[in-house]
Protein backbone atom coordinates (compact mmCIF):
# COMPACT_ATOMS: atom_id res chain seq x y z
CA MET A 1 -28.10 17.11 86.88
CA LYS A 2 -26.61 13.66 86.19
CA ASN A 3 -29.02 12.10 88.74
CA LEU A 4 -31.94 13.95 87.15
CA VAL A 5 -31.01 12.61 83.68
CA GLN A 6 -30.72 9.06 85.13
CA ILE A 7 -34.16 9.33 86.76
CA LYS A 8 -35.71 10.52 83.50
CA LEU A 9 -34.18 7.55 81.61
CA MET A 10 -35.34 5.07 84.26
CA LEU A 11 -38.90 6.50 83.99
CA LEU A 12 -38.84 6.19 80.24
CA PHE A 13 -37.68 2.60 80.52
CA VAL A 14 -40.40 1.71 83.02
CA VAL A 15 -43.17 3.31 80.98
CA PHE A 16 -41.94 1.84 77.71
CA SER A 17 -41.59 -1.69 79.24
CA ALA A 18 -45.10 -1.50 80.76
CA SER A 19 -46.51 -0.36 77.41
CA ALA A 20 -44.68 -3.10 75.53
CA GLN A 21 -46.12 -5.79 77.86
CA GLN A 22 -49.70 -4.67 77.92
CA GLU A 23 -52.25 -6.60 75.82
CA LYS A 24 -52.48 -5.79 72.18
CA GLY A 25 -54.92 -7.02 69.56
CA ILE A 26 -58.20 -8.60 70.65
CA ILE A 27 -58.57 -9.10 74.32
CA GLY A 28 -60.59 -10.95 76.90
CA THR A 29 -60.07 -13.13 79.95
CA SER A 30 -61.37 -15.95 77.76
CA ASN A 31 -61.69 -16.60 74.00
CA TRP A 32 -64.78 -14.56 73.09
CA LEU A 33 -64.76 -16.26 69.65
CA ASN A 34 -66.16 -19.41 71.32
CA ASN A 35 -69.74 -20.63 70.99
CA TRP A 36 -71.26 -18.15 68.55
CA THR A 37 -68.73 -18.00 65.66
CA GLU A 38 -68.31 -20.60 62.91
CA PHE A 39 -64.91 -20.94 61.04
CA LYS A 40 -66.10 -23.75 58.74
CA PRO A 41 -69.58 -22.61 57.72
CA ALA A 42 -69.57 -24.60 54.43
CA LYS A 43 -69.77 -27.78 56.49
CA VAL A 44 -72.76 -26.70 58.58
CA GLU A 45 -76.18 -28.11 57.61
CA TYR A 46 -79.37 -26.14 58.48
CA ASN A 47 -82.99 -27.07 58.27
CA GLU A 48 -84.85 -26.72 54.95
CA THR A 49 -86.70 -23.41 54.59
CA ASN A 50 -90.41 -23.44 55.47
CA GLN A 51 -91.12 -19.72 55.32
CA ILE A 52 -90.58 -17.28 52.47
CA LEU A 53 -89.94 -13.53 52.94
CA TYR A 54 -90.39 -11.30 49.89
CA GLY A 55 -91.40 -7.83 48.85
CA LYS A 56 -91.98 -5.31 51.68
CA ILE A 57 -92.49 -5.76 55.43
CA THR A 58 -94.56 -2.68 56.47
CA THR A 59 -95.73 -3.76 59.94
CA ASN A 60 -93.97 -4.93 63.03
CA THR A 61 -92.90 -8.56 62.32
CA THR A 62 -91.15 -11.30 64.28
CA LEU A 63 -89.13 -14.16 62.88
CA TYR A 64 -89.05 -17.29 65.06
CA LYS A 65 -86.38 -19.85 65.76
CA LYS A 66 -88.76 -22.70 65.02
CA ASN A 67 -88.81 -21.65 61.36
CA THR A 68 -86.12 -21.37 58.71
CA TYR A 69 -86.75 -18.41 56.37
CA LEU A 70 -85.78 -17.71 52.80
CA LEU A 71 -85.09 -14.15 51.50
CA GLN A 72 -86.51 -14.24 47.99
CA GLY A 73 -85.19 -11.23 46.18
CA PRO A 74 -84.62 -7.95 48.00
CA VAL A 75 -86.80 -7.82 51.18
CA TYR A 76 -87.48 -4.28 52.43
CA VAL A 77 -88.44 -3.45 56.00
CA THR A 78 -90.07 -0.08 55.60
CA ASN A 79 -92.84 2.25 56.82
CA ASN A 80 -91.07 2.53 60.25
CA ALA A 81 -91.67 -1.10 60.95
CA VAL A 82 -89.58 -3.16 63.35
CA LEU A 83 -88.26 -6.55 62.33
CA THR A 84 -87.58 -8.67 65.39
CA ILE A 85 -85.52 -11.90 64.95
CA GLU A 86 -85.53 -14.43 67.70
CA ALA A 87 -82.24 -15.85 68.90
CA GLY A 88 -81.21 -18.98 67.02
CA THR A 89 -83.25 -18.14 63.90
CA VAL A 90 -81.72 -19.09 60.50
CA ILE A 91 -82.40 -16.99 57.41
CA LYS A 92 -81.18 -18.09 53.97
CA GLY A 93 -80.57 -15.77 51.06
CA ASP A 94 -81.88 -17.06 47.76
CA TYR A 95 -79.18 -17.57 45.10
CA GLU A 96 -81.48 -17.34 42.05
CA THR A 97 -83.21 -14.08 42.97
CA ASN A 98 -80.34 -12.23 44.76
CA GLY A 99 -81.96 -12.45 48.19
CA ALA A 100 -81.09 -9.56 50.48
CA LEU A 101 -82.51 -7.80 53.54
CA ILE A 102 -82.84 -3.98 53.48
CA ILE A 103 -83.76 -2.03 56.63
CA ALA A 104 -85.08 1.24 55.21
CA LYS A 105 -84.54 4.65 56.82
CA GLY A 106 -86.82 4.94 59.85
CA ALA A 107 -87.28 1.19 60.24
CA GLN A 108 -85.43 -1.03 62.73
CA ILE A 109 -84.03 -4.53 63.06
CA MET A 110 -83.89 -6.15 66.45
CA ALA A 111 -81.62 -9.15 65.91
CA ASN A 112 -80.62 -9.96 69.48
CA GLY A 113 -78.99 -13.32 69.38
CA LEU A 114 -77.30 -15.14 72.23
CA GLU A 115 -73.68 -16.35 72.61
CA THR A 116 -75.01 -19.92 72.73
CA ASP A 117 -77.76 -19.34 70.18
CA PRO A 118 -76.68 -16.85 67.48
CA ILE A 119 -78.76 -15.66 64.55
CA VAL A 120 -77.44 -16.91 61.25
CA PHE A 121 -77.83 -15.45 57.71
CA THR A 122 -76.46 -17.88 55.13
CA SER A 123 -76.72 -19.29 51.66
CA ASN A 124 -79.49 -21.57 50.41
CA ARG A 125 -77.24 -23.50 48.05
CA PRO A 126 -76.17 -27.06 48.86
CA VAL A 127 -72.55 -26.18 48.04
CA LYS A 128 -72.00 -22.73 49.48
CA LYS A 129 -69.67 -20.09 48.07
CA GLY A 130 -69.04 -16.38 48.57
CA GLY A 131 -71.44 -14.28 46.59
CA ASP A 132 -74.38 -16.69 46.78
CA TRP A 133 -76.75 -13.95 47.95
CA GLY A 134 -76.86 -10.23 48.65
CA GLY A 135 -76.41 -9.29 52.22
CA ILE A 136 -77.87 -7.04 54.93
CA VAL A 137 -78.29 -3.34 54.37
CA ILE A 138 -79.29 -0.93 57.18
CA LEU A 139 -80.05 2.70 56.28
CA GLY A 140 -80.40 5.51 58.81
CA ASP A 141 -80.65 9.26 59.19
CA ALA A 142 -77.32 10.15 60.75
CA PRO A 143 -75.08 12.58 58.81
CA VAL A 144 -73.30 11.79 55.59
CA ASN A 145 -70.88 14.17 53.81
CA LYS A 146 -72.45 14.09 50.45
CA PHE A 147 -73.98 17.24 49.00
CA GLY A 148 -77.51 17.65 50.10
CA GLY A 149 -76.94 15.53 53.15
CA SER A 150 -78.44 12.36 51.71
CA SER A 151 -77.84 9.69 49.07
CA SER A 152 -79.23 6.48 47.74
CA LEU A 153 -77.55 3.08 47.74
CA ASN A 154 -76.74 1.89 44.30
CA PHE A 155 -77.32 -1.85 44.60
CA GLU A 156 -79.90 -2.25 41.80
CA LEU A 157 -82.59 -1.77 44.47
CA ASP A 158 -85.70 0.40 44.76
CA PRO A 159 -84.26 4.01 44.91
CA SER A 160 -87.18 5.12 47.10
CA GLN A 161 -86.27 2.47 49.70
CA THR A 162 -82.54 2.96 49.84
CA ILE A 163 -82.28 6.70 50.75
CA TYR A 164 -79.95 7.38 53.68
CA GLY A 165 -78.64 10.44 55.48
CA GLY A 166 -79.92 13.18 57.79
CA VAL A 167 -78.84 15.15 60.89
CA ASN A 168 -79.45 12.75 63.75
CA SER A 169 -76.20 11.23 64.92
CA GLN A 170 -78.00 9.52 67.79
CA SER A 171 -80.58 7.76 65.58
CA ASN A 172 -81.37 4.10 66.42
CA SER A 173 -81.64 1.48 63.71
CA GLY A 174 -81.92 -1.34 66.26
CA VAL A 175 -79.64 -4.14 67.50
CA LEU A 176 -77.25 -6.57 65.82
CA ARG A 177 -75.89 -8.88 68.42
CA PHE A 178 -74.40 -12.46 68.23
CA LEU A 179 -75.17 -12.69 64.53
CA ARG A 180 -73.37 -14.40 61.58
CA ILE A 181 -73.52 -13.44 57.91
CA GLU A 182 -72.16 -16.15 55.63
CA PHE A 183 -71.40 -16.32 51.85
CA ALA A 184 -72.93 -12.92 51.00
CA GLY A 185 -71.65 -10.36 48.49
CA LYS A 186 -73.60 -11.19 45.31
CA LYS A 187 -72.27 -9.51 42.24
CA ILE A 188 -74.21 -6.62 40.77
CA LYS A 189 -73.51 -5.24 37.28
CA GLY A 190 -69.93 -5.61 36.29
CA PHE A 191 -67.44 -5.38 39.13
CA LYS A 192 -69.68 -4.16 41.95
CA ASP A 193 -70.81 -6.50 44.74
CA TYR A 194 -73.12 -6.39 47.66
CA ASN A 195 -71.36 -6.29 51.04
CA ALA A 196 -72.18 -8.80 53.76
CA LEU A 197 -73.20 -5.89 55.99
CA SER A 198 -73.74 -2.34 54.72
CA LEU A 199 -74.34 0.36 57.26
CA ALA A 200 -75.30 3.73 55.70
CA SER A 201 -75.87 6.80 57.97
CA VAL A 202 -76.46 4.58 60.91
CA GLY A 203 -76.59 6.48 64.33
CA ASN A 204 -74.78 5.76 67.57
CA LYS A 205 -77.81 4.47 69.45
CA THR A 206 -77.72 1.42 67.20
CA VAL A 207 -76.06 -1.60 68.92
CA ILE A 208 -73.67 -3.54 66.74
CA GLU A 209 -71.51 -6.06 68.56
CA ASN A 210 -70.52 -9.73 68.16
CA VAL A 211 -71.15 -9.80 64.38
CA MET A 212 -69.27 -12.18 62.18
CA CYS A 213 -69.08 -11.94 58.37
CA SER A 214 -67.57 -14.98 56.61
CA PHE A 215 -66.53 -15.56 52.96
CA SER A 216 -68.04 -12.48 51.53
CA ALA A 217 -67.39 -11.97 47.79
CA GLY A 218 -67.68 -8.18 48.45
CA ASN A 219 -66.63 -6.27 51.57
CA SER A 220 -67.44 -7.82 54.97
CA PHE A 221 -68.43 -4.52 56.63
CA GLU A 222 -68.97 -1.28 54.71
CA ILE A 223 -69.84 1.77 56.64
CA LEU A 224 -70.96 4.84 54.73
CA GLY A 225 -71.47 8.00 56.82
CA GLY A 226 -73.12 7.93 60.14
CA ASP A 227 -71.85 7.81 63.71
CA VAL A 228 -71.30 4.27 64.89
CA VAL A 229 -69.73 2.46 67.82
CA VAL A 230 -68.98 -1.17 67.12
CA SER A 231 -67.37 -3.96 69.09
CA LYS A 232 -66.24 -7.61 68.66
CA LEU A 233 -66.67 -7.63 64.86
CA VAL A 234 -65.17 -10.57 62.98
CA SER A 235 -64.28 -10.71 59.28
CA LEU A 236 -63.21 -14.06 57.97
CA ARG A 237 -61.62 -14.49 54.55
CA SER A 238 -63.40 -11.74 52.71
CA SER A 239 -62.64 -11.35 49.03
CA GLY A 240 -62.99 -7.65 49.32
CA ASP A 241 -62.12 -5.31 52.22
CA ASP A 242 -62.83 -6.54 55.79
CA PHE A 243 -63.74 -3.07 56.94
CA ARG A 244 -64.45 -0.15 54.56
CA PHE A 245 -65.23 3.30 55.90
CA THR A 246 -66.22 6.30 53.75
CA GLN A 247 -68.56 9.28 53.28
CA GLY A 248 -67.66 10.95 56.57
CA VAL A 249 -68.38 8.19 58.99
CA GLN A 250 -67.41 8.80 62.62
CA CYS A 251 -66.50 5.35 63.92
CA LYS A 252 -65.13 3.89 67.10
CA MET A 253 -64.25 0.22 66.72
CA ASP A 254 -63.03 -1.91 69.60
CA ASN A 255 -61.81 -5.52 70.11
CA SER A 256 -62.42 -6.67 66.53
CA ILE A 257 -60.52 -8.87 64.08
CA ALA A 258 -59.97 -9.25 60.37
CA ILE A 259 -58.66 -12.75 59.38
CA ARG A 260 -57.35 -12.83 55.85
CA HIS A 261 -55.82 -15.56 53.74
CA SER A 262 -53.66 -14.94 50.66
CA LEU A 263 -55.73 -17.25 48.47
CA TYR A 264 -59.06 -15.63 49.34
CA SER A 265 -58.15 -12.03 48.62
CA SER A 266 -59.16 -10.15 45.50
CA SER A 267 -56.31 -9.16 43.28
CA THR A 268 -57.32 -5.46 43.57
CA ARG A 269 -58.83 -5.28 47.07
CA SER A 270 -57.12 -7.10 49.82
CA ARG A 271 -57.22 -4.71 52.71
CA CYS A 272 -58.27 -5.29 56.27
CA MET A 273 -59.17 -1.64 56.61
CA ASN A 274 -59.89 0.87 53.82
CA ILE A 275 -60.42 4.39 55.12
CA ALA A 276 -61.61 7.11 52.78
CA SER A 277 -63.59 10.33 53.23
CA TYR A 278 -65.49 10.01 49.93
CA ASP A 279 -65.99 7.75 46.93
CA LYS A 280 -65.83 10.65 44.50
CA LYS A 281 -64.24 13.95 45.52
CA GLU A 282 -66.69 16.04 43.47
CA GLU A 283 -69.59 14.58 45.47
CA ALA A 284 -68.17 15.40 48.90
CA ASP A 285 -69.33 18.35 50.91
CA PHE A 286 -66.20 19.58 52.67
CA SER A 287 -68.14 21.72 55.08
CA LYS A 288 -69.19 18.45 56.78
CA ASN A 289 -67.19 15.85 58.65
CA MET A 290 -64.66 13.85 56.82
CA THR A 291 -64.17 10.20 57.83
CA ASN A 292 -62.70 9.59 61.28
CA VAL A 293 -61.99 6.07 62.53
CA VAL A 294 -60.48 5.13 65.93
CA ALA A 295 -59.63 1.42 66.16
CA THR A 296 -58.57 0.00 69.53
CA ASN A 297 -57.43 -3.48 70.45
CA CYS A 298 -57.91 -4.77 66.93
CA THR A 299 -56.15 -7.72 65.21
CA LEU A 300 -55.40 -7.67 61.53
CA VAL A 301 -53.86 -10.93 60.47
CA ASN A 302 -52.93 -12.93 57.32
CA SER A 303 -53.39 -16.50 58.48
CA THR A 304 -51.48 -18.13 55.59
CA GLU A 305 -48.92 -20.73 56.51
CA ASN A 306 -46.77 -19.78 53.52
CA LEU A 307 -46.23 -16.07 54.04
CA SER A 308 -42.86 -15.66 52.41
CA SER A 309 -43.81 -17.51 49.23
CA ASP A 310 -47.23 -15.74 49.04
CA ILE A 311 -45.47 -12.36 49.28
CA ALA A 312 -43.07 -13.38 46.59
CA SER A 313 -45.93 -14.46 44.36
CA GLY A 314 -47.70 -11.08 44.82
CA LEU A 315 -50.65 -12.51 46.71
CA VAL A 316 -50.22 -10.33 49.78
CA LYS A 317 -51.11 -6.62 49.79
CA GLU A 318 -51.24 -3.88 52.42
CA SER A 319 -53.36 -4.35 55.54
CA ILE A 320 -54.50 -0.71 55.81
CA PHE A 321 -55.11 2.00 53.18
CA ILE A 322 -55.78 5.63 54.28
CA GLY A 323 -57.11 8.10 51.78
CA ASN A 324 -56.62 11.83 51.69
CA ASN A 325 -58.62 14.01 54.12
CA ALA A 326 -59.43 11.05 56.33
CA SER A 327 -58.48 10.71 59.97
CA PHE A 328 -57.38 7.39 61.44
CA ALA A 329 -55.99 6.17 64.70
CA ILE A 330 -55.11 2.62 65.65
CA LYS A 331 -54.03 1.80 69.19
CA ARG A 332 -52.99 -1.30 71.13
CA SER A 333 -53.47 -3.43 68.06
CA VAL A 334 -51.74 -6.12 66.01
CA ILE A 335 -50.93 -6.00 62.23
CA SER A 336 -49.39 -9.32 61.20
CA GLY A 337 -48.33 -10.74 57.82
CA PHE A 338 -48.80 -7.97 55.17
CA ASN A 339 -46.92 -6.23 52.39
CA PRO A 340 -46.56 -3.61 53.79
CA ALA A 341 -48.58 -2.94 57.00
CA ALA A 342 -50.14 0.32 55.81
CA ILE A 343 -50.24 2.64 52.83
CA LEU A 344 -51.16 6.38 52.76
CA ALA A 345 -52.72 7.66 49.57
CA GLN A 346 -50.18 9.36 47.29
CA ASP A 347 -51.89 12.81 47.76
CA VAL A 348 -51.40 12.68 51.53
CA LYS A 349 -48.79 15.28 52.48
CA LEU A 350 -46.27 14.36 55.17
CA GLU A 351 -46.70 17.40 57.38
CA ALA A 352 -47.73 18.22 60.88
CA SER A 353 -51.45 18.30 60.18
CA THR A 354 -51.32 14.83 58.64
CA PHE A 355 -49.48 13.34 61.60
CA LYS A 356 -52.15 14.80 63.88
CA LYS A 357 -54.87 12.93 61.92
CA ILE A 358 -53.05 9.60 61.22
CA LYS A 359 -51.84 7.82 64.37
CA PHE A 360 -50.22 4.46 65.00
CA GLU A 361 -49.76 3.97 68.69
CA GLU A 362 -48.82 0.95 70.87
CA THR A 363 -49.21 -1.21 67.79
CA TYR A 364 -47.46 -4.49 67.13
CA PHE A 365 -46.15 -4.72 63.52
CA ASN A 366 -45.31 -8.34 62.97
CA ASN A 367 -44.04 -10.19 59.92
CA CYS A 368 -44.78 -7.28 57.57
CA LYS A 369 -42.64 -6.55 54.51
CA GLY A 370 -42.27 -2.89 55.40
CA ASN A 371 -44.43 -0.94 57.77
CA ILE A 372 -45.88 2.42 56.61
CA PHE A 373 -45.47 3.84 53.11
CA VAL A 374 -46.97 6.54 50.93
CA GLU A 375 -48.63 5.03 47.86
CA ASN A 376 -46.30 4.43 44.90
CA SER A 377 -43.26 5.27 46.94
CA THR A 378 -40.41 2.94 48.00
CA ASN A 379 -38.76 5.46 50.33
CA ASN A 380 -40.45 5.51 53.75
CA GLU A 381 -37.59 6.73 55.90
CA ASP A 382 -39.55 9.80 57.18
CA LEU A 383 -42.56 7.64 58.20
CA GLU A 384 -40.28 5.03 59.82
CA ASP A 385 -38.52 7.69 61.79
CA TYR A 386 -41.71 9.37 62.91
CA TYR A 387 -43.84 6.29 63.91
CA GLY A 388 -40.79 4.50 65.16
CA ASN A 389 -40.22 7.09 67.82
CA ASN A 390 -40.23 5.57 71.30
CA SER A 391 -43.02 7.86 72.42
CA PHE A 392 -45.49 5.86 70.29
CA PHE A 393 -44.55 2.52 71.80
CA ASN A 394 -44.88 0.71 68.48
CA LEU A 395 -43.22 -2.68 68.25
CA TYR A 396 -41.54 -4.26 65.19
CA GLN A 397 -40.91 -8.03 65.15
CA ASN A 398 -40.92 -11.14 63.07
CA THR A 399 -42.64 -13.88 65.06
CA ASP A 400 -44.31 -16.91 63.55
CA ASN A 401 -48.11 -17.04 63.95
CA THR A 402 -47.91 -20.20 65.92
CA GLU A 403 -45.69 -18.55 68.44
CA MET A 404 -47.47 -15.19 68.61
CA PHE A 405 -51.14 -16.24 68.95
CA LEU A 406 -52.45 -18.60 71.56
CA ASP A 407 -54.06 -21.12 69.14
CA ILE A 408 -54.46 -19.78 65.61
CA TYR A 409 -54.66 -23.12 63.75
CA ASN A 410 -57.01 -25.09 66.03
CA THR A 411 -58.82 -27.56 63.75
CA LYS A 412 -61.19 -29.03 66.33
CA ASN A 413 -62.50 -25.91 68.12
CA ASN A 414 -62.50 -22.19 67.34
CA PRO A 415 -59.05 -20.70 66.98
CA ASP A 416 -57.79 -18.34 69.59
CA PHE A 417 -56.29 -15.15 68.18
CA ARG A 418 -55.34 -13.46 71.46
CA ILE A 419 -51.58 -13.02 71.58
CA LYS A 420 -49.07 -14.51 73.99
CA ILE A 421 -48.02 -11.59 76.21
CA SER A 422 -44.66 -13.27 76.86
CA LYS A 423 -43.83 -13.04 73.15
CA ILE A 424 -44.03 -9.25 73.09
CA THR A 425 -40.81 -7.59 74.03
CA ALA A 426 -39.71 -3.97 73.71
CA SER A 427 -38.31 -3.68 70.20
CA ASN A 428 -37.72 -0.80 67.81
CA SER A 429 -35.91 -2.67 65.17
CA LYS A 430 -37.41 -2.06 61.80
């Protein structure tokens, strides 16, 4: 019996050690942020615009790299048209007219950039700031959990062109690949903003990978309903949420990163991930899917160099917020530099059904002032005991960013947010 116990303990140690040493956060044999991303977009100069886009695009249309385009007001791609954008094309959103691009339900965008020649959406102002223009909106006919199975996006746009929702989870709204969206998030009436990229009822045949949203005054990525698979998304210094999921979206997100900074976060919305099943409970159809997000090999990082003082000043909030009735799983990921790492809505009950829906596994909690809490509660012993169990292989450490990441503060080339494997050791200290 004694030998059997010893064997079990040895196996547990081997499994735990292997899990502790495997790669967490964004991964790759090389830095996949190279070539196509831009971490100082305000300093990049583009050619003057020589083509204007306005009104509705109702027939198949191609935008060419040789031109530089201006979105004047909201531009709708409608009537089942396909908008094709050549690799390397630059499109500017007009500040004065709230330039935006809306891909209506049934239409498609084929924005297939290259790693060495990305497509860029940016501001037309000489001194660029977040909120200079609207953003990109893609509307599909995949399911949404609102009553009636459809809704309309309330961005002060044409209601007839912003309807989304249906029954086709496998619908195809096109391709977004090697694409940057800079300085979007124009304010609309009061507190509401555009998002850099809004995906509403987008289906899983749509390709969304290698997309970077920088300095958005709203959310970087907002996904409302639909069934989406996304990879290598980058959110840089968003004022709102980096990734917001709601209205019953079924999402698998892989190898993606949210890079926050204390001084760029909104005072009320500073989350890397905001997971909710509905915007208003009375509008949700509970016979339909609630939001379910699975995030794998993701990095959520506060890149400030003054973390302790920023936390003391109240500038740092939680990294993840999970609403009631939503399901969320994060695996092999990194959460670094937040206060705390994650918060569950106050109406989430700590019971078996909840723990089946909310999972933190093989995740590296680093430099967080607290790990997982229920909203408006300072006692998180039950959550610490549960998610701190060895079977989940979560790690708790306090390692400086310069020691944990390969090259986070590179000022000449793109930073490298992959972690140094040698710095991860098996640790359960909380």
